[in-house]
Amino acid sequence: MTSVSGAPRGHFSLLYFASASSYTGKDYEAWPAPLPLSKLFTELESKYPGIQSRILDSCLITVNLGYVDPGAGDASGPFIEEFDEVAIIPPVSSG
């Protein structure tokens, strides 16, 4: 079974936009759930070295379309759960 966003059972969807997509070479990944929100950036940095300083430090993060603070909580929660949709949204300029 998969969620509407395509994550298989036991996973959540991680969506990359703009420079985050360019950095990872992906628009989407399925990650194992649950994951403490506070560990998201650490896990991303482990998989994509340098992403923290180059991309994540200036990004907004949403979970199920609601903005969150990725530094909130600790290993005991809050958690990104199965079938959640997490988006990494870098700053966008317009002119």
PDB file of N, CA and C in Angstrom:
ATOM      1  N   MET A   1       0.843  -1.183   0.000  1.00  0.00           N
ATOM      2  CA  MET A   1       0.000   0.000   0.000  1.00  0.00           C
ATOM      3  C   MET A   1       0.886   1.244   0.000  1.00  0.00           C
ATOM      4  N   THR A   2       0.490   2.269  -0.738  1.00  0.00           N
ATOM      5  CA  THR A   2       1.224   3.526  -0.761  1.00  0.00           C
ATOM      6  C   THR A   2       0.286   4.671  -0.419  1.00  0.00           C
ATOM      7  N   SER A   3       0.855   5.765   0.021  1.00  0.00           N
ATOM      8  CA  SER A   3       0.063   6.955   0.327  1.00  0.00           C
ATOM      9  C   SER A   3      -0.245   7.699  -0.956  1.00  0.00           C
ATOM     10  N   VAL A   4      -1.043   8.724  -0.839  1.00  0.00           N
ATOM     11  CA  VAL A   4      -1.370   9.564  -1.986  1.00  0.00           C
ATOM     12  C   VAL A   4      -0.095  10.121  -2.606  1.00  0.00           C
ATOM     13  N   SER A   5       0.881  10.466  -1.786  1.00  0.00           N
ATOM     14  CA  SER A   5       2.126  11.043  -2.295  1.00  0.00           C
ATOM     15  C   SER A   5       3.100   9.988  -2.805  1.00  0.00           C
ATOM     16  N   GLY A   6       2.778   8.716  -2.634  1.00  0.00           N
ATOM     17  CA  GLY A   6       3.605   7.671  -3.196  1.00  0.00           C
ATOM     18  C   GLY A   6       4.529   6.951  -2.242  1.00  0.00           C
ATOM     19  N   ALA A   7       4.565   7.336  -0.989  1.00  0.00           N
ATOM     20  CA  ALA A   7       5.452   6.659  -0.035  1.00  0.00           C
ATOM     21  C   ALA A   7       4.902   5.268   0.282  1.00  0.00           C
ATOM     22  N   PRO A   8       5.761   4.260   0.258  1.00  0.00           N
ATOM     23  CA  PRO A   8       5.304   2.921   0.621  1.00  0.00           C
ATOM     24  C   PRO A   8       5.070   2.811   2.125  1.00  0.00           C
ATOM     25  N   ARG A   9       4.390   1.779   2.515  1.00  0.00           N
ATOM     26  CA  ARG A   9       4.123   1.525   3.935  1.00  0.00           C
ATOM     27  C   ARG A   9       5.446   1.587   4.712  1.00  0.00           C
ATOM     28  N   GLY A  10       5.389   2.208   5.881  1.00  0.00           N
ATOM     29  CA  GLY A  10       6.571   2.322   6.731  1.00  0.00           C
ATOM     30  C   GLY A  10       7.499   3.458   6.355  1.00  0.00           C
ATOM     31  N   HIS A  11       7.072   4.328   5.439  1.00  0.00           N
ATOM     32  CA  HIS A  11       7.910   5.428   4.966  1.00  0.00           C
ATOM     33  C   HIS A  11       7.120   6.733   4.925  1.00  0.00           C
ATOM     34  N   PHE A  12       7.860   7.841   4.809  1.00  0.00           N
ATOM     35  CA  PHE A  12       7.248   9.137   4.543  1.00  0.00           C
ATOM     36  C   PHE A  12       7.858   9.701   3.264  1.00  0.00           C
ATOM     37  N   SER A  13       7.163  10.637   2.659  1.00  0.00           N
ATOM     38  CA  SER A  13       7.637  11.285   1.430  1.00  0.00           C
ATOM     39  C   SER A  13       8.460  12.506   1.781  1.00  0.00           C
ATOM     40  N   LEU A  14       9.610  12.632   1.163  1.00  0.00           N
ATOM     41  CA  LEU A  14      10.465  13.798   1.339  1.00  0.00           C
ATOM     42  C   LEU A  14      10.585  14.461  -0.028  1.00  0.00           C
ATOM     43  N   LEU A  15      10.046  15.671  -0.140  1.00  0.00           N
ATOM     44  CA  LEU A  15      10.022  16.400  -1.406  1.00  0.00           C
ATOM     45  C   LEU A  15      11.089  17.485  -1.392  1.00  0.00           C
ATOM     46  N   TYR A  16      11.825  17.585  -2.483  1.00  0.00           N
ATOM     47  CA  TYR A  16      12.881  18.585  -2.609  1.00  0.00           C
ATOM     48  C   TYR A  16      12.469  19.594  -3.670  1.00  0.00           C
ATOM     49  N   PHE A  17      12.604  20.873  -3.368  1.00  0.00           N
ATOM     50  CA  PHE A  17      12.274  21.921  -4.314  1.00  0.00           C
ATOM     51  C   PHE A  17      13.499  22.778  -4.608  1.00  0.00           C
ATOM     52  N   ALA A  18      13.515  23.357  -5.808  1.00  0.00           N
ATOM     53  CA  ALA A  18      14.532  24.325  -6.235  1.00  0.00           C
ATOM     54  C   ALA A  18      15.949  23.821  -5.970  1.00  0.00           C
ATOM     55  N   SER A  19      16.757  24.581  -5.224  1.00  0.00           N
ATOM     56  CA  SER A  19      18.165  24.209  -5.024  1.00  0.00           C
ATOM     57  C   SER A  19      18.315  22.908  -4.241  1.00  0.00           C
ATOM     58  N   ALA A  20      17.350  22.558  -3.411  1.00  0.00           N
ATOM     59  CA  ALA A  20      17.414  21.281  -2.696  1.00  0.00           C
ATOM     60  C   ALA A  20      17.320  20.122  -3.684  1.00  0.00           C
ATOM     61  N   SER A  21      16.487  20.271  -4.692  1.00  0.00           N
ATOM     62  CA  SER A  21      16.369  19.257  -5.736  1.00  0.00           C
ATOM     63  C   SER A  21      17.651  19.179  -6.561  1.00  0.00           C
ATOM     64  N   SER A  22      18.204  20.328  -6.888  1.00  0.00           N
ATOM     65  CA  SER A  22      19.461  20.350  -7.644  1.00  0.00           C
ATOM     66  C   SER A  22      20.590  19.702  -6.859  1.00  0.00           C
ATOM     67  N   TYR A  23      20.651  19.984  -5.559  1.00  0.00           N
ATOM     68  CA  TYR A  23      21.726  19.460  -4.720  1.00  0.00           C
ATOM     69  C   TYR A  23      21.656  17.937  -4.597  1.00  0.00           C
ATOM     70  N   THR A  24      20.457  17.418  -4.379  1.00  0.00           N
ATOM     71  CA  THR A  24      20.292  15.973  -4.188  1.00  0.00           C
ATOM     72  C   THR A  24      20.168  15.214  -5.498  1.00  0.00           C
ATOM     73  N   GLY A  25      19.809  15.930  -6.561  1.00  0.00           N
ATOM     74  CA  GLY A  25      19.559  15.268  -7.848  1.00  0.00           C
ATOM     75  C   GLY A  25      18.214  14.560  -7.877  1.00  0.00           C
ATOM     76  N   LYS A  26      17.349  14.898  -6.923  1.00  0.00           N
ATOM     77  CA  LYS A  26      16.052  14.230  -6.810  1.00  0.00           C
ATOM     78  C   LYS A  26      14.952  15.247  -6.527  1.00  0.00           C
ATOM     79  N   ASP A  27      13.744  14.901  -6.934  1.00  0.00           N
ATOM     80  CA  ASP A  27      12.568  15.690  -6.578  1.00  0.00           C
ATOM     81  C   ASP A  27      11.849  15.078  -5.381  1.00  0.00           C
ATOM     82  N   TYR A  28      12.074  13.793  -5.151  1.00  0.00           N
ATOM     83  CA  TYR A  28      11.312  13.035  -4.158  1.00  0.00           C
ATOM     84  C   TYR A  28      12.108  11.832  -3.691  1.00  0.00           C
ATOM     85  N   GLU A  29      11.952  11.498  -2.422  1.00  0.00           N
ATOM     86  CA  GLU A  29      12.477  10.242  -1.876  1.00  0.00           C
ATOM     87  C   GLU A  29      11.506   9.725  -0.841  1.00  0.00           C
ATOM     88  N   ALA A  30      11.477   8.427  -0.647  1.00  0.00           N
ATOM     89  CA  ALA A  30      10.748   7.825   0.455  1.00  0.00           C
ATOM     90  C   ALA A  30      11.765   7.484   1.541  1.00  0.00           C
ATOM     91  N   TRP A  31      11.510   7.943   2.769  1.00  0.00           N
ATOM     92  CA  TRP A  31      12.401   7.705   3.907  1.00  0.00           C
ATOM     93  C   TRP A  31      11.679   6.857   4.945  1.00  0.00           C
ATOM     94  N   PRO A  32      12.416   6.014   5.665  1.00  0.00           N
ATOM     95  CA  PRO A  32      11.791   5.186   6.700  1.00  0.00           C
ATOM     96  C   PRO A  32      11.173   6.031   7.816  1.00  0.00           C
ATOM     97  N   ALA A  33       9.996   5.627   8.233  1.00  0.00           N
ATOM     98  CA  ALA A  33       9.278   6.297   9.323  1.00  0.00           C
ATOM     99  C   ALA A  33       9.092   5.313  10.472  1.00  0.00           C
ATOM    100  N   PRO A  34       8.990   5.840  11.660  1.00  0.00           N
ATOM    101  CA  PRO A  34       9.023   7.244  12.062  1.00  0.00           C
ATOM    102  C   PRO A  34      10.452   7.758  12.180  1.00  0.00           C
ATOM    103  N   LEU A  35      10.575   9.080  12.109  1.00  0.00           N
ATOM    104  CA  LEU A  35      11.858   9.761  12.290  1.00  0.00           C
ATOM    105  C   LEU A  35      11.611  10.986  13.161  1.00  0.00           C
ATOM    106  N   PRO A  36      12.370  11.143  14.253  1.00  0.00           N
ATOM    107  CA  PRO A  36      12.201  12.372  15.035  1.00  0.00           C
ATOM    108  C   PRO A  36      12.483  13.587  14.150  1.00  0.00           C
ATOM    109  N   LEU A  37      11.617  14.571  14.201  1.00  0.00           N
ATOM    110  CA  LEU A  37      11.802  15.787  13.412  1.00  0.00           C
ATOM    111  C   LEU A  37      13.171  16.391  13.671  1.00  0.00           C
ATOM    112  N   SER A  38      13.628  16.327  14.914  1.00  0.00           N
ATOM    113  CA  SER A  38      14.926  16.909  15.279  1.00  0.00           C
ATOM    114  C   SER A  38      16.107  16.205  14.610  1.00  0.00           C
ATOM    115  N   LYS A  39      15.915  15.028  14.062  1.00  0.00           N
ATOM    116  CA  LYS A  39      16.992  14.270  13.407  1.00  0.00           C
ATOM    117  C   LYS A  39      17.001  14.438  11.889  1.00  0.00           C
ATOM    118  N   LEU A  40      15.994  15.120  11.328  1.00  0.00           N
ATOM    119  CA  LEU A  40      15.880  15.227   9.875  1.00  0.00           C
ATOM    120  C   LEU A  40      17.137  15.817   9.239  1.00  0.00           C
ATOM    121  N   PHE A  41      17.597  16.965   9.730  1.00  0.00           N
ATOM    122  CA  PHE A  41      18.759  17.611   9.116  1.00  0.00           C
ATOM    123  C   PHE A  41      20.017  16.774   9.289  1.00  0.00           C
ATOM    124  N   THR A  42      20.166  16.126  10.416  1.00  0.00           N
ATOM    125  CA  THR A  42      21.335  15.265  10.652  1.00  0.00           C
ATOM    126  C   THR A  42      21.358  14.111   9.651  1.00  0.00           C
ATOM    127  N   GLU A  43      20.199  13.509   9.432  1.00  0.00           N
ATOM    128  CA  GLU A  43      20.108  12.399   8.481  1.00  0.00           C
ATOM    129  C   GLU A  43      20.367  12.876   7.051  1.00  0.00           C
ATOM    130  N   LEU A  44      19.844  14.032   6.703  1.00  0.00           N
ATOM    131  CA  LEU A  44      20.089  14.576   5.369  1.00  0.00           C
ATOM    132  C   LEU A  44      21.566  14.900   5.167  1.00  0.00           C
ATOM    133  N   GLU A  45      22.193  15.494   6.177  1.00  0.00           N
ATOM    134  CA  GLU A  45      23.624  15.820   6.087  1.00  0.00           C
ATOM    135  C   GLU A  45      24.456  14.548   5.940  1.00  0.00           C
ATOM    136  N   SER A  46      24.060  13.488   6.602  1.00  0.00           N
ATOM    137  CA  SER A  46      24.771  12.218   6.498  1.00  0.00           C
ATOM    138  C   SER A  46      24.677  11.647   5.085  1.00  0.00           C
ATOM    139  N   LYS A  47      23.509  11.773   4.481  1.00  0.00           N
ATOM    140  CA  LYS A  47      23.297  11.229   3.135  1.00  0.00           C
ATOM    141  C   LYS A  47      23.847  12.150   2.054  1.00  0.00           C
ATOM    142  N   TYR A  48      23.742  13.459   2.279  1.00  0.00           N
ATOM    143  CA  TYR A  48      24.178  14.457   1.290  1.00  0.00           C
ATOM    144  C   TYR A  48      25.144  15.432   1.973  1.00  0.00           C
ATOM    145  N   PRO A  49      26.414  15.061   2.145  1.00  0.00           N
ATOM    146  CA  PRO A  49      27.371  15.925   2.844  1.00  0.00           C
ATOM    147  C   PRO A  49      27.395  17.353   2.283  1.00  0.00           C
ATOM    148  N   GLY A  50      27.332  18.322   3.189  1.00  0.00           N
ATOM    149  CA  GLY A  50      27.363  19.729   2.807  1.00  0.00           C
ATOM    150  C   GLY A  50      25.994  20.361   2.637  1.00  0.00           C
ATOM    151  N   ILE A  51      24.945  19.557   2.621  1.00  0.00           N
ATOM    152  CA  ILE A  51      23.604  20.109   2.375  1.00  0.00           C
ATOM    153  C   ILE A  51      23.140  21.026   3.503  1.00  0.00           C
ATOM    154  N   GLN A  52      23.599  20.768   4.709  1.00  0.00           N
ATOM    155  CA  GLN A  52      23.180  21.592   5.856  1.00  0.00           C
ATOM    156  C   GLN A  52      23.538  23.058   5.626  1.00  0.00           C
ATOM    157  N   SER A  53      24.806  23.334   5.391  1.00  0.00           N
ATOM    158  CA  SER A  53      25.240  24.726   5.253  1.00  0.00           C
ATOM    159  C   SER A  53      24.850  25.336   3.912  1.00  0.00           C
ATOM    160  N   ARG A  54      24.829  24.546   2.875  1.00  0.00           N
ATOM    161  CA  ARG A  54      24.545  25.087   1.542  1.00  0.00           C
ATOM    162  C   ARG A  54      23.059  25.264   1.258  1.00  0.00           C
ATOM    163  N   ILE A  55      22.217  24.439   1.845  1.00  0.00           N
ATOM    164  CA  ILE A  55      20.792  24.464   1.514  1.00  0.00           C
ATOM    165  C   ILE A  55      19.903  24.587   2.751  1.00  0.00           C
ATOM    166  N   LEU A  56      20.057  23.678   3.691  1.00  0.00           N
ATOM    167  CA  LEU A  56      19.086  23.539   4.781  1.00  0.00           C
ATOM    168  C   LEU A  56      19.035  24.723   5.731  1.00  0.00           C
ATOM    169  N   ASP A  57      20.165  25.371   5.981  1.00  0.00           N
ATOM    170  CA  ASP A  57      20.186  26.476   6.940  1.00  0.00           C
ATOM    171  C   ASP A  57      19.272  27.635   6.538  1.00  0.00           C
ATOM    172  N   SER A  58      18.919  27.730   5.267  1.00  0.00           N
ATOM    173  CA  SER A  58      18.065  28.832   4.818  1.00  0.00           C
ATOM    174  C   SER A  58      16.705  28.353   4.297  1.00  0.00           C
ATOM    175  N   CYS A  59      16.373  27.102   4.537  1.00  0.00           N
ATOM    176  CA  CYS A  59      15.125  26.532   4.022  1.00  0.00           C
ATOM    177  C   CYS A  59      13.981  26.610   5.020  1.00  0.00           C
ATOM    178  N   LEU A  60      12.778  26.530   4.468  1.00  0.00           N
ATOM    179  CA  LEU A  60      11.588  26.290   5.261  1.00  0.00           C
ATOM    180  C   LEU A  60      11.258  24.809   5.128  1.00  0.00           C
ATOM    181  N   ILE A  61      10.665  24.246   6.172  1.00  0.00           N
ATOM    182  CA  ILE A  61      10.296  22.838   6.173  1.00  0.00           C
ATOM    183  C   ILE A  61       8.802  22.744   6.471  1.00  0.00           C
ATOM    184  N   THR A  62       8.099  21.921   5.705  1.00  0.00           N
ATOM    185  CA  THR A  62       6.702  21.650   6.010  1.00  0.00           C
ATOM    186  C   THR A  62       6.513  20.158   6.252  1.00  0.00           C
ATOM    187  N   VAL A  63       5.565  19.848   7.116  1.00  0.00           N
ATOM    188  CA  VAL A  63       5.107  18.482   7.313  1.00  0.00           C
ATOM    189  C   VAL A  63       3.601  18.532   7.106  1.00  0.00           C
ATOM    190  N   ASN A  64       3.152  17.802   6.104  1.00  0.00           N
ATOM    191  CA  ASN A  64       1.724  17.790   5.754  1.00  0.00           C
ATOM    192  C   ASN A  64       1.184  19.207   5.557  1.00  0.00           C
ATOM    193  N   LEU A  65       1.961  20.024   4.835  1.00  0.00           N
ATOM    194  CA  LEU A  65       1.637  21.388   4.434  1.00  0.00           C
ATOM    195  C   LEU A  65       1.669  22.415   5.563  1.00  0.00           C
ATOM    196  N   GLY A  66       2.077  22.015   6.757  1.00  0.00           N
ATOM    197  CA  GLY A  66       2.218  22.957   7.865  1.00  0.00           C
ATOM    198  C   GLY A  66       3.686  23.219   8.141  1.00  0.00           C
ATOM    199  N   TYR A  67       4.051  24.488   8.312  1.00  0.00           N
ATOM    200  CA  TYR A  67       5.447  24.828   8.579  1.00  0.00           C
ATOM    201  C   TYR A  67       5.866  24.322   9.955  1.00  0.00           C
ATOM    202  N   VAL A  68       7.098  23.803  10.038  1.00  0.00           N
ATOM    203  CA  VAL A  68       7.637  23.268  11.280  1.00  0.00           C
ATOM    204  C   VAL A  68       9.048  23.786  11.497  1.00  0.00           C
ATOM    205  N   ASP A  69       9.493  23.706  12.735  1.00  0.00           N
ATOM    206  CA  ASP A  69      10.867  24.024  13.096  1.00  0.00           C
ATOM    207  C   ASP A  69      11.610  22.699  13.212  1.00  0.00           C
ATOM    208  N   PRO A  70      12.538  22.412  12.263  1.00  0.00           N
ATOM    209  CA  PRO A  70      13.224  21.119  12.289  1.00  0.00           C
ATOM    210  C   PRO A  70      14.084  20.904  13.522  1.00  0.00           C
ATOM    211  N   GLY A  71      14.367  21.950  14.272  1.00  0.00           N
ATOM    212  CA  GLY A  71      15.135  21.802  15.494  1.00  0.00           C
ATOM    213  C   GLY A  71      14.255  21.561  16.711  1.00  0.00           C
ATOM    214  N   ALA A  72      12.943  21.528  16.486  1.00  0.00           N
ATOM    215  CA  ALA A  72      12.013  21.349  17.600  1.00  0.00           C
ATOM    216  C   ALA A  72      12.080  19.939  18.155  1.00  0.00           C
ATOM    217  N   GLY A  73      11.946  19.859  19.450  1.00  0.00           N
ATOM    218  CA  GLY A  73      11.888  18.557  20.093  1.00  0.00           C
ATOM    219  C   GLY A  73      13.243  17.891  20.204  1.00  0.00           C
ATOM    220  N   ASP A  74      13.187  16.591  20.446  1.00  0.00           N
ATOM    221  CA  ASP A  74      14.395  15.794  20.576  1.00  0.00           C
ATOM    222  C   ASP A  74      14.092  14.394  20.074  1.00  0.00           C
ATOM    223  N   ALA A  75      14.903  13.430  20.445  1.00  0.00           N
ATOM    224  CA  ALA A  75      14.712  12.062  19.965  1.00  0.00           C
ATOM    225  C   ALA A  75      13.388  11.457  20.430  1.00  0.00           C
ATOM    226  N   SER A  76      12.734  12.089  21.413  1.00  0.00           N
ATOM    227  CA  SER A  76      11.464  11.559  21.893  1.00  0.00           C
ATOM    228  C   SER A  76      10.270  12.188  21.169  1.00  0.00           C
ATOM    229  N   GLY A  77      10.515  13.116  20.238  1.00  0.00           N
ATOM    230  CA  GLY A  77       9.425  13.656  19.427  1.00  0.00           C
ATOM    231  C   GLY A  77       9.527  15.143  19.271  1.00  0.00           C
ATOM    232  N   PRO A  78       8.712  15.745  18.427  1.00  0.00           N
ATOM    233  CA  PRO A  78       7.706  15.117  17.572  1.00  0.00           C
ATOM    234  C   PRO A  78       8.337  14.277  16.464  1.00  0.00           C
ATOM    235  N   PHE A  79       7.530  13.401  15.894  1.00  0.00           N
ATOM    236  CA  PHE A  79       7.998  12.478  14.881  1.00  0.00           C
ATOM    237  C   PHE A  79       7.379  12.746  13.521  1.00  0.00           C
ATOM    238  N   ILE A  80       8.154  12.476  12.489  1.00  0.00           N
ATOM    239  CA  ILE A  80       7.616  12.390  11.135  1.00  0.00           C
ATOM    240  C   ILE A  80       7.117  10.957  11.017  1.00  0.00           C
ATOM    241  N   GLU A  81       5.840  10.803  10.708  1.00  0.00           N
ATOM    242  CA  GLU A  81       5.197   9.497  10.737  1.00  0.00           C
ATOM    243  C   GLU A  81       5.009   8.896   9.342  1.00  0.00           C
ATOM    244  N   GLU A  82       4.659   7.627   9.328  1.00  0.00           N
ATOM    245  CA  GLU A  82       4.357   6.908   8.097  1.00  0.00           C
ATOM    246  C   GLU A  82       3.333   7.701   7.276  1.00  0.00           C
ATOM    247  N   PHE A  83       3.599   7.814   5.991  1.00  0.00           N
ATOM    248  CA  PHE A  83       2.749   8.484   5.005  1.00  0.00           C
ATOM    249  C   PHE A  83       2.728  10.007   5.116  1.00  0.00           C
ATOM    250  N   ASP A  84       3.492  10.600   6.059  1.00  0.00           N
ATOM    251  CA  ASP A  84       3.584  12.058   6.104  1.00  0.00           C
ATOM    252  C   ASP A  84       4.267  12.552   4.839  1.00  0.00           C
ATOM    253  N   GLU A  85       4.026  13.815   4.523  1.00  0.00           N
ATOM    254  CA  GLU A  85       4.687  14.452   3.393  1.00  0.00           C
ATOM    255  C   GLU A  85       5.506  15.624   3.922  1.00  0.00           C
ATOM    256  N   VAL A  86       6.825  15.541   3.755  1.00  0.00           N
ATOM    257  CA  VAL A  86       7.760  16.555   4.230  1.00  0.00           C
ATOM    258  C   VAL A  86       8.327  17.258   2.994  1.00  0.00           C
ATOM    259  N   ALA A  87       8.361  18.581   3.032  1.00  0.00           N
ATOM    260  CA  ALA A  87       8.909  19.348   1.907  1.00  0.00           C
ATOM    261  C   ALA A  87      10.032  20.245   2.401  1.00  0.00           C
ATOM    262  N   ILE A  88      11.093  20.293   1.606  1.00  0.00           N
ATOM    263  CA  ILE A  88      12.207  21.207   1.855  1.00  0.00           C
ATOM    264  C   ILE A  88      12.093  22.308   0.816  1.00  0.00           C
ATOM    265  N   ILE A  89      11.879  23.534   1.321  1.00  0.00           N
ATOM    266  CA  ILE A  89      11.572  24.661   0.443  1.00  0.00           C
ATOM    267  C   ILE A  89      12.635  25.745   0.626  1.00  0.00           C
ATOM    268  N   PRO A  90      13.599  25.806  -0.291  1.00  0.00           N
ATOM    269  CA  PRO A  90      14.613  26.851  -0.229  1.00  0.00           C
ATOM    270  C   PRO A  90      14.003  28.233  -0.518  1.00  0.00           C
ATOM    271  N   PRO A  91      14.682  29.294  -0.132  1.00  0.00           N
ATOM    272  CA  PRO A  91      14.192  30.634  -0.452  1.00  0.00           C
ATOM    273  C   PRO A  91      14.056  30.805  -1.961  1.00  0.00           C
ATOM    274  N   VAL A  92      13.038  31.520  -2.339  1.00  0.00           N
ATOM    275  CA  VAL A  92      12.788  31.780  -3.757  1.00  0.00           C
ATOM    276  C   VAL A  92      12.824  33.284  -3.957  1.00  0.00           C
ATOM    277  N   SER A  93      13.593  33.718  -4.932  1.00  0.00           N
ATOM    278  CA  SER A  93      13.644  35.154  -5.203  1.00  0.00           C
ATOM    279  C   SER A  93      12.775  35.466  -6.405  1.00  0.00           C
ATOM    280  N   SER A  94      12.285  36.673  -6.441  1.00  0.00           N
ATOM    281  CA  SER A  94      11.514  37.116  -7.601  1.00  0.00           C
ATOM    282  C   SER A  94      11.912  38.545  -7.900  1.00  0.00           C
ATOM    283  N   GLY A  95      11.651  38.950  -9.074  1.00  0.00           N
ATOM    284  CA  GLY A  95      12.074  40.291  -9.418  1.00  0.00           C
ATOM    285  C   GLY A  95      11.149  40.897 -10.308  1.00  0.00           C
TER     286      GLY A  95
END
